[in-house]
Structure formats: structure tokens, C-alpha cells
Amino acid sequence: MSEWKILQVEDIVSSQKYSCIGGPFGSNLTTKDYVSKSNFPVIRGNNFIAGDRYFYDKDFVFISEEKAESLIQNSAYPGDLVFTQRGTIGQVALIPYNSKYSSRSVER
């Protein structure tokens, strides 16, 4: 562990548009927005580190394509680090390159 560097998020953030963003907050995403099934999963705390996994690629809730488009700045992509900022603070996950929902290509 001694060879690990301690860095601030600003030290590793990409210069790409929406590469470091918070939210969605409040009424921007509520349980009323969830749909039974779509190709737009919502990452929640239960998808973060679980035992020896760094990302749990199951038990998602989903939103419609229209809702996903309205939250485009909050999209996560393979290789992204995501952090919790509500509930259990400090959880970190790395979105795997072989994620079930990694095929969506959107301009960032």
C-alpha cells in the first residue's frame, strides 16, 4: 500500500465534457422515473463494491430513454470511476469494460 499515491479527484479528472459531474439530485431522478425494463440502468449504492467485486453488474433499476437523455451529463461509461455522494458516502466503483450496459455510445 505504501506505493499508492494519494490524489485529489481534480488530479485525475479528464478534460472531456461531463467527465466530472455530480447528481442527479432531488426531483431530477426519483422512483417515479423507474420503468420495468430498458437499456438505461441507474447505478445505485448496491452496485458498488461487494466483497471481491469492484462493481456489481446486477440488480439495477431502469429509466426510459427520454429520462436518460435528460440526464446525459450523468451517464457513466466503461472505465469511469463513480463515487457515492448520498447514503453511504465514500463508496467507489470502476465501471468494467465488459459491463452488460456498455454498448451505448453517446457524445460526451
C-alpha atoms as a PDB file:
ATOM      1  CA  MET A   1       0.000   0.000   0.000  1.00  0.00           C
ATOM      2  CA  SER A   2       2.893   2.406   0.591  1.00  0.00           C
ATOM      3  CA  GLU A   3       3.467   2.715  -3.162  1.00  0.00           C
ATOM      4  CA  TRP A   4      -0.086   4.023  -3.698  1.00  0.00           C
ATOM      5  CA  LYS A   5      -0.301   7.739  -4.445  1.00  0.00           C
ATOM      6  CA  ILE A   6      -2.898   9.871  -2.715  1.00  0.00           C
ATOM      7  CA  LEU A   7      -4.500  12.169  -5.265  1.00  0.00           C
ATOM      8  CA  GLN A   8      -7.401  14.552  -5.417  1.00  0.00           C
ATOM      9  CA  VAL A   9     -10.183  13.952  -7.947  1.00  0.00           C
ATOM     10  CA  GLU A  10      -9.089  17.112  -9.777  1.00  0.00           C
ATOM     11  CA  ASP A  11      -5.673  15.462 -10.328  1.00  0.00           C
ATOM     12  CA  ILE A  12      -7.150  12.559 -12.305  1.00  0.00           C
ATOM     13  CA  VAL A  13     -10.226  14.052 -13.965  1.00  0.00           C
ATOM     14  CA  SER A  14     -10.395  14.074 -17.758  1.00  0.00           C
ATOM     15  CA  SER A  15     -10.849  17.273 -19.728  1.00  0.00           C
ATOM     16  CA  GLN A  16     -13.761  15.684 -21.660  1.00  0.00           C
ATOM     17  CA  LYS A  17     -17.179  17.297 -21.321  1.00  0.00           C
ATOM     18  CA  TYR A  18     -19.157  15.870 -18.347  1.00  0.00           C
ATOM     19  CA  SER A  19     -16.145  13.875 -17.131  1.00  0.00           C
ATOM     20  CA  CYS A  20     -16.620  15.052 -13.543  1.00  0.00           C
ATOM     21  CA  ILE A  21     -20.195  15.787 -12.555  1.00  0.00           C
ATOM     22  CA  GLY A  22     -22.416  15.325  -9.523  1.00  0.00           C
ATOM     23  CA  GLY A  23     -26.019  14.303  -9.292  1.00  0.00           C
ATOM     24  CA  PRO A  24     -28.700  13.889 -10.348  1.00  0.00           C
ATOM     25  CA  PHE A  25     -30.220  15.496  -7.279  1.00  0.00           C
ATOM     26  CA  GLY A  26     -33.675  15.918  -5.787  1.00  0.00           C
ATOM     27  CA  SER A  27     -36.544  15.745  -8.213  1.00  0.00           C
ATOM     28  CA  ASN A  28     -34.269  15.155 -11.239  1.00  0.00           C
ATOM     29  CA  LEU A  29     -34.419  11.401 -10.579  1.00  0.00           C
ATOM     30  CA  THR A  30     -36.976   9.754  -8.309  1.00  0.00           C
ATOM     31  CA  THR A  31     -38.502   6.285  -8.039  1.00  0.00           C
ATOM     32  CA  LYS A  32     -41.379   7.600 -10.176  1.00  0.00           C
ATOM     33  CA  ASP A  33     -38.912   7.705 -13.090  1.00  0.00           C
ATOM     34  CA  TYR A  34     -38.164   3.970 -12.897  1.00  0.00           C
ATOM     35  CA  VAL A  35     -39.555   1.723 -15.615  1.00  0.00           C
ATOM     36  CA  SER A  36     -39.816  -2.062 -15.629  1.00  0.00           C
ATOM     37  CA  LYS A  37     -37.060  -2.674 -18.194  1.00  0.00           C
ATOM     38  CA  SER A  38     -34.971  -0.660 -20.628  1.00  0.00           C
ATOM     39  CA  ASN A  39     -31.367  -0.318 -21.740  1.00  0.00           C
ATOM     40  CA  PHE A  40     -30.756   2.566 -19.325  1.00  0.00           C
ATOM     41  CA  PRO A  41     -29.779   1.288 -15.861  1.00  0.00           C
ATOM     42  CA  VAL A  42     -29.391   3.511 -12.804  1.00  0.00           C
ATOM     43  CA  ILE A  43     -26.265   2.896 -10.728  1.00  0.00           C
ATOM     44  CA  ARG A  44     -27.116   2.845  -7.022  1.00  0.00           C
ATOM     45  CA  GLY A  45     -25.184   2.069  -3.849  1.00  0.00           C
ATOM     46  CA  ASN A  46     -25.917  -1.648  -4.119  1.00  0.00           C
ATOM     47  CA  ASN A  47     -23.932  -1.709  -7.394  1.00  0.00           C
ATOM     48  CA  PHE A  48     -20.741  -0.612  -5.664  1.00  0.00           C
ATOM     49  CA  ILE A  49     -18.006  -2.748  -4.134  1.00  0.00           C
ATOM     50  CA  ALA A  50     -19.379  -6.085  -2.929  1.00  0.00           C
ATOM     51  CA  GLY A  51     -16.756  -8.404  -1.470  1.00  0.00           C
ATOM     52  CA  ASP A  52     -14.082  -9.017  -4.086  1.00  0.00           C
ATOM     53  CA  ARG A  53     -16.032  -7.260  -6.863  1.00  0.00           C
ATOM     54  CA  TYR A  54     -15.358  -3.636  -7.712  1.00  0.00           C
ATOM     55  CA  PHE A  55     -18.729  -3.239  -9.443  1.00  0.00           C
ATOM     56  CA  TYR A  56     -21.853  -5.351  -9.102  1.00  0.00           C
ATOM     57  CA  ASP A  57     -23.407  -5.538 -12.562  1.00  0.00           C
ATOM     58  CA  LYS A  58     -26.863  -6.740 -11.404  1.00  0.00           C
ATOM     59  CA  ASP A  59     -29.970  -5.565  -9.554  1.00  0.00           C
ATOM     60  CA  PHE A  60     -30.303  -2.322 -11.490  1.00  0.00           C
ATOM     61  CA  VAL A  61     -33.403  -0.205 -11.732  1.00  0.00           C
ATOM     62  CA  PHE A  62     -34.051   1.346 -15.133  1.00  0.00           C
ATOM     63  CA  ILE A  63     -35.215   4.633 -16.628  1.00  0.00           C
ATOM     64  CA  SER A  64     -36.718   5.432 -20.007  1.00  0.00           C
ATOM     65  CA  GLU A  65     -34.623   6.591 -22.947  1.00  0.00           C
ATOM     66  CA  GLU A  66     -36.221  10.034 -22.657  1.00  0.00           C
ATOM     67  CA  LYS A  67     -35.223  10.324 -18.997  1.00  0.00           C
ATOM     68  CA  ALA A  68     -31.712   9.060 -19.808  1.00  0.00           C
ATOM     69  CA  GLU A  69     -31.374  11.743 -22.490  1.00  0.00           C
ATOM     70  CA  SER A  70     -32.407  14.431 -19.990  1.00  0.00           C
ATOM     71  CA  LEU A  71     -29.665  13.176 -17.650  1.00  0.00           C
ATOM     72  CA  ILE A  72     -26.991  12.689 -20.334  1.00  0.00           C
ATOM     73  CA  GLN A  73     -24.410  14.572 -18.254  1.00  0.00           C
ATOM     74  CA  ASN A  74     -24.782  11.884 -15.551  1.00  0.00           C
ATOM     75  CA  SER A  75     -24.016   8.950 -17.854  1.00  0.00           C
ATOM     76  CA  ALA A  76     -21.297   6.524 -16.773  1.00  0.00           C
ATOM     77  CA  TYR A  77     -19.116   4.685 -19.255  1.00  0.00           C
ATOM     78  CA  PRO A  78     -16.736   1.714 -19.116  1.00  0.00           C
ATOM     79  CA  GLY A  79     -13.526   2.775 -17.402  1.00  0.00           C
ATOM     80  CA  ASP A  80     -15.247   5.531 -15.375  1.00  0.00           C
ATOM     81  CA  LEU A  81     -14.827   5.821 -11.629  1.00  0.00           C
ATOM     82  CA  VAL A  82     -18.093   6.546  -9.846  1.00  0.00           C
ATOM     83  CA  PHE A  83     -18.489   7.690  -6.241  1.00  0.00           C
ATOM     84  CA  THR A  84     -21.440   7.772  -3.879  1.00  0.00           C
ATOM     85  CA  GLN A  85     -22.390  11.199  -2.606  1.00  0.00           C
ATOM     86  CA  ARG A  86     -25.602  10.281  -0.785  1.00  0.00           C
ATOM     87  CA  GLY A  87     -26.354   7.429   1.601  1.00  0.00           C
ATOM     88  CA  THR A  88     -23.141   5.536   2.316  1.00  0.00           C
ATOM     89  CA  ILE A  89     -20.512   8.147   1.433  1.00  0.00           C
ATOM     90  CA  GLY A  90     -17.142   7.030   0.148  1.00  0.00           C
ATOM     91  CA  GLN A  91     -18.109   4.028  -1.958  1.00  0.00           C
ATOM     92  CA  VAL A  92     -16.142   3.892  -5.204  1.00  0.00           C
ATOM     93  CA  ALA A  93     -16.659   1.682  -8.237  1.00  0.00           C
ATOM     94  CA  LEU A  94     -14.913   1.267 -11.559  1.00  0.00           C
ATOM     95  CA  ILE A  95     -17.310   0.618 -14.437  1.00  0.00           C
ATOM     96  CA  PRO A  96     -15.901  -2.510 -16.131  1.00  0.00           C
ATOM     97  CA  TYR A  97     -15.175  -2.599 -19.841  1.00  0.00           C
ATOM     98  CA  ASN A  98     -17.268  -5.757 -20.136  1.00  0.00           C
ATOM     99  CA  SER A  99     -20.299  -4.257 -18.399  1.00  0.00           C
ATOM    100  CA  LYS A 100     -23.689  -5.519 -19.620  1.00  0.00           C
ATOM    101  CA  TYR A 101     -24.759  -1.977 -20.475  1.00  0.00           C
ATOM    102  CA  SER A 102     -21.580  -0.626 -22.023  1.00  0.00           C
ATOM    103  CA  SER A 103     -22.552  -0.585 -25.677  1.00  0.00           C
ATOM    104  CA  ARG A 104     -24.310   2.799 -25.726  1.00  0.00           C
ATOM    105  CA  SER A 105     -22.164   5.348 -27.471  1.00  0.00           C
ATOM    106  CA  VAL A 106     -23.079   8.945 -26.835  1.00  0.00           C
ATOM    107  CA  GLU A 107     -21.069  12.064 -27.460  1.00  0.00           C
ATOM    108  CA  ARG A 108     -19.708  13.289 -24.160  1.00  0.00           C
END
